Amino acid sequence: MSRAVWQELARRELARRDYGAYLALAQGSGYVETALSRFLARHVQAFLEADTGHAYDILLIETPPQHGKSTAVTETLPSWFLGRWPEKRVIVAGYSDDFAERFCRRNREKLQALGQDIFGVSLGKVNRSTEFELHGHRGRMISRGLLSGITGNPAELLIVDDPVKTRQEADSPTIRDRVW
């Protein structure tokens, strides 16, 4: 094999094993890696790989708006998670269906582009705007608004990204209670 082939195989294997490498590859040439994105990739992967023995573990990520949380986690992590563990399931929830649908679309695009080459997985028959499944595996992703019926669906990874849309909604006890 040529050197270029070996380099490509090494790049794919690194992306399969290391979420930070996958994040950079999946986001493409316009992606700017930051100290926060490296920190998130490292800590999110360590969190997912930790065997704590607890039924539920929670990782809370809080940063000001527009610091790259959604790009580094919600838009990319589910595709890596499903590729790495194709029998597991993911739910992503946000403040609205349209907002959550974007996360599903971006993860689907990443799996379509990289899934077969990096993880040996492809999309299955269920392939809708708010959910998709993996071919030949139990793995699937559902992405919906918080109030749009995600109950009754199991998940090993649940991501809640921006449960309220605006500061005004966040300050409203009625909206906070409804989301809770």
Protein backbone atom coordinates (compact mmCIF):
# COMPACT_ATOMS: atom_id res chain seq x y z
CA MET A 1 0.00 0.00 0.00
CA SER A 2 1.08 3.52 -0.72
CA ARG A 3 1.95 6.01 1.98
CA ALA A 4 -1.19 8.03 1.20
CA VAL A 5 -3.39 4.96 1.72
CA TRP A 6 -1.72 4.23 5.06
CA GLN A 7 -2.19 7.84 6.14
CA GLU A 8 -5.86 7.75 5.23
CA LEU A 9 -6.40 4.50 7.13
CA ALA A 10 -4.61 5.94 10.16
CA ARG A 11 -6.73 9.11 9.96
CA ARG A 12 -9.93 7.03 9.90
CA GLU A 13 -8.81 4.85 12.80
CA LEU A 14 -7.91 7.90 14.87
CA ALA A 15 -11.34 9.45 14.15
CA ARG A 16 -13.01 6.18 15.17
CA ARG A 17 -11.15 6.05 18.49
CA ASP A 18 -10.82 9.74 19.38
CA TYR A 19 -13.83 12.05 19.46
CA GLY A 20 -11.67 15.17 19.04
CA ALA A 21 -10.20 13.80 15.81
CA TYR A 22 -13.68 12.83 14.60
CA LEU A 23 -15.06 16.27 15.48
CA ALA A 24 -12.39 18.01 13.39
CA LEU A 25 -12.84 15.59 10.46
CA ALA A 26 -16.64 15.68 10.53
CA GLN A 27 -16.87 19.47 10.72
CA GLY A 28 -14.73 19.85 7.61
CA SER A 29 -12.17 22.32 6.37
CA GLY A 30 -13.93 25.46 7.67
CA TYR A 31 -13.90 24.19 11.23
CA VAL A 32 -11.79 26.17 13.70
CA GLU A 33 -10.67 24.07 16.64
CA THR A 34 -10.64 25.99 19.91
CA ALA A 35 -9.42 25.29 23.42
CA LEU A 36 -13.06 24.82 24.44
CA SER A 37 -13.79 22.34 21.63
CA ARG A 38 -10.69 20.31 22.57
CA PHE A 39 -11.71 20.40 26.24
CA LEU A 40 -15.29 19.34 25.43
CA ALA A 41 -14.19 16.54 23.11
CA ARG A 42 -11.78 15.13 25.67
CA HIS A 43 -14.19 15.33 28.61
CA VAL A 44 -17.28 14.17 26.73
CA GLN A 45 -15.42 11.10 25.46
CA ALA A 46 -14.08 10.32 28.94
CA PHE A 47 -17.61 10.70 30.33
CA LEU A 48 -19.07 8.32 27.74
CA GLU A 49 -16.34 5.72 28.22
CA ALA A 50 -16.41 5.78 32.04
CA ASP A 51 -18.01 2.75 33.67
CA THR A 52 -19.29 4.20 36.93
CA GLY A 53 -21.79 1.47 37.72
CA HIS A 54 -24.52 4.11 38.13
CA ALA A 55 -27.82 3.72 36.34
CA TYR A 56 -27.72 7.37 35.24
CA ASP A 57 -24.80 9.74 34.98
CA ILE A 58 -25.19 13.39 34.06
CA LEU A 59 -22.71 15.70 32.40
CA LEU A 60 -23.79 19.32 32.49
CA ILE A 61 -22.12 21.75 30.10
CA GLU A 62 -22.71 25.45 30.67
CA THR A 63 -21.02 28.20 28.69
CA PRO A 64 -22.24 31.53 27.34
CA PRO A 65 -24.09 31.49 24.01
CA GLN A 66 -22.10 31.17 20.78
CA HIS A 67 -19.08 29.40 22.29
CA GLY A 68 -19.43 26.22 20.22
CA LYS A 69 -21.25 23.82 22.57
CA SER A 70 -23.80 22.80 19.97
CA THR A 71 -21.18 22.35 17.26
CA ALA A 72 -18.83 20.39 19.50
CA VAL A 73 -21.52 18.25 21.09
CA THR A 74 -25.07 18.22 19.72
CA GLU A 75 -24.30 18.53 15.99
CA THR A 76 -21.56 15.89 15.98
CA LEU A 77 -21.42 13.67 19.06
CA PRO A 78 -24.49 11.53 18.26
CA SER A 79 -23.01 10.43 14.92
CA TRP A 80 -19.72 9.41 16.58
CA PHE A 81 -21.57 7.74 19.48
CA LEU A 82 -23.77 5.71 17.12
CA GLY A 83 -20.83 4.79 14.93
CA ARG A 84 -18.80 3.69 17.91
CA TRP A 85 -21.68 1.88 19.64
CA PRO A 86 -24.20 1.01 16.89
CA GLU A 87 -26.55 -0.87 19.23
CA LYS A 88 -27.17 2.21 21.39
CA ARG A 89 -29.77 4.93 20.99
CA VAL A 90 -29.67 8.72 21.16
CA ILE A 91 -32.31 11.33 21.90
CA VAL A 92 -31.66 15.02 21.32
CA ALA A 93 -34.18 17.52 22.63
CA GLY A 94 -34.33 21.28 22.25
CA TYR A 95 -36.79 24.12 22.64
CA SER A 96 -38.62 23.39 19.36
CA ASP A 97 -39.01 20.75 16.69
CA ASP A 98 -37.30 22.91 14.06
CA PHE A 99 -34.33 23.55 16.32
CA ALA A 100 -33.97 19.86 17.17
CA GLU A 101 -34.48 18.77 13.55
CA ARG A 102 -31.32 20.65 12.56
CA PHE A 103 -29.28 18.48 14.95
CA CYS A 104 -30.75 15.32 13.47
CA ARG A 105 -29.99 16.48 9.93
CA ARG A 106 -26.40 17.40 10.72
CA ASN A 107 -25.70 14.07 12.43
CA ARG A 108 -27.35 12.16 9.58
CA GLU A 109 -25.16 14.01 7.07
CA LYS A 110 -22.04 13.09 9.04
CA LEU A 111 -23.01 9.42 9.16
CA GLN A 112 -23.81 9.43 5.45
CA ALA A 113 -20.42 10.95 4.67
CA LEU A 114 -18.23 9.10 7.20
CA GLY A 115 -20.20 6.23 8.73
CA GLN A 116 -19.22 3.47 6.34
CA ASP A 117 -15.55 4.44 6.01
CA ILE A 118 -14.87 5.06 9.71
CA PHE A 119 -17.32 2.80 11.56
CA GLY A 120 -18.70 0.38 8.97
CA VAL A 121 -22.27 1.60 9.55
CA SER A 122 -24.91 3.06 7.28
CA LEU A 123 -28.42 4.47 7.60
CA GLY A 124 -31.37 2.09 7.74
CA LYS A 125 -34.95 2.25 6.48
CA VAL A 126 -36.16 4.74 9.07
CA ASN A 127 -34.73 8.02 7.82
CA ARG A 128 -37.04 10.92 8.60
CA SER A 129 -36.41 14.57 9.39
CA THR A 130 -36.50 13.98 13.16
CA GLU A 131 -35.14 10.43 13.40
CA PHE A 132 -33.03 7.82 11.70
CA GLU A 133 -31.80 4.31 12.44
CA LEU A 134 -28.71 2.34 11.52
CA HIS A 135 -28.92 -0.50 9.03
CA GLY A 136 -28.60 -3.90 10.69
CA HIS A 137 -28.27 -2.44 14.19
CA ARG A 138 -30.54 -1.29 16.99
CA GLY A 139 -28.93 2.16 17.00
CA ARG A 140 -31.08 5.16 16.22
CA MET A 141 -31.35 8.88 16.81
CA ILE A 142 -34.52 10.79 17.65
CA SER A 143 -34.39 14.59 17.74
CA ARG A 144 -37.44 16.59 18.76
CA GLY A 145 -38.69 19.56 20.68
CA LEU A 146 -39.01 18.98 24.43
CA LEU A 147 -42.79 19.07 24.29
CA SER A 148 -43.13 16.94 21.15
CA GLY A 149 -43.32 13.39 22.40
CA ILE A 150 -39.95 11.90 23.19
CA THR A 151 -41.29 9.93 26.13
CA GLY A 152 -41.47 6.17 25.69
CA ASN A 153 -38.30 6.10 23.61
CA PRO A 154 -35.24 4.58 25.31
CA ALA A 155 -31.81 6.15 24.99
CA GLU A 156 -28.34 5.51 26.31
CA LEU A 157 -27.38 9.09 25.40
CA LEU A 158 -29.77 11.99 25.99
CA ILE A 159 -28.72 15.50 25.01
CA VAL A 160 -30.83 18.50 25.95
CA ASP A 161 -29.60 21.55 24.04
CA ASP A 162 -31.21 24.91 24.79
CA PRO A 163 -34.45 23.81 26.47
CA VAL A 164 -35.71 27.42 26.33
CA LYS A 165 -35.39 29.78 23.40
CA THR A 166 -34.97 33.24 24.91
CA ARG A 167 -33.93 34.94 28.11
CA GLN A 168 -37.55 36.04 28.56
CA GLU A 169 -38.70 32.40 28.47
CA ALA A 170 -35.90 31.38 30.82
CA ASP A 171 -37.05 34.01 33.31
CA SER A 172 -40.69 32.86 33.13
CA PRO A 173 -41.68 30.50 35.97
CA THR A 174 -44.54 29.19 33.79
CA ILE A 175 -42.21 28.25 30.92
CA ARG A 176 -39.60 26.81 33.28
CA ASP A 177 -42.24 24.64 34.98
CA ARG A 178 -43.59 23.49 31.62
CA VAL A 179 -40.12 22.49 30.40
CA TRP A 180 -39.30 20.77 33.70
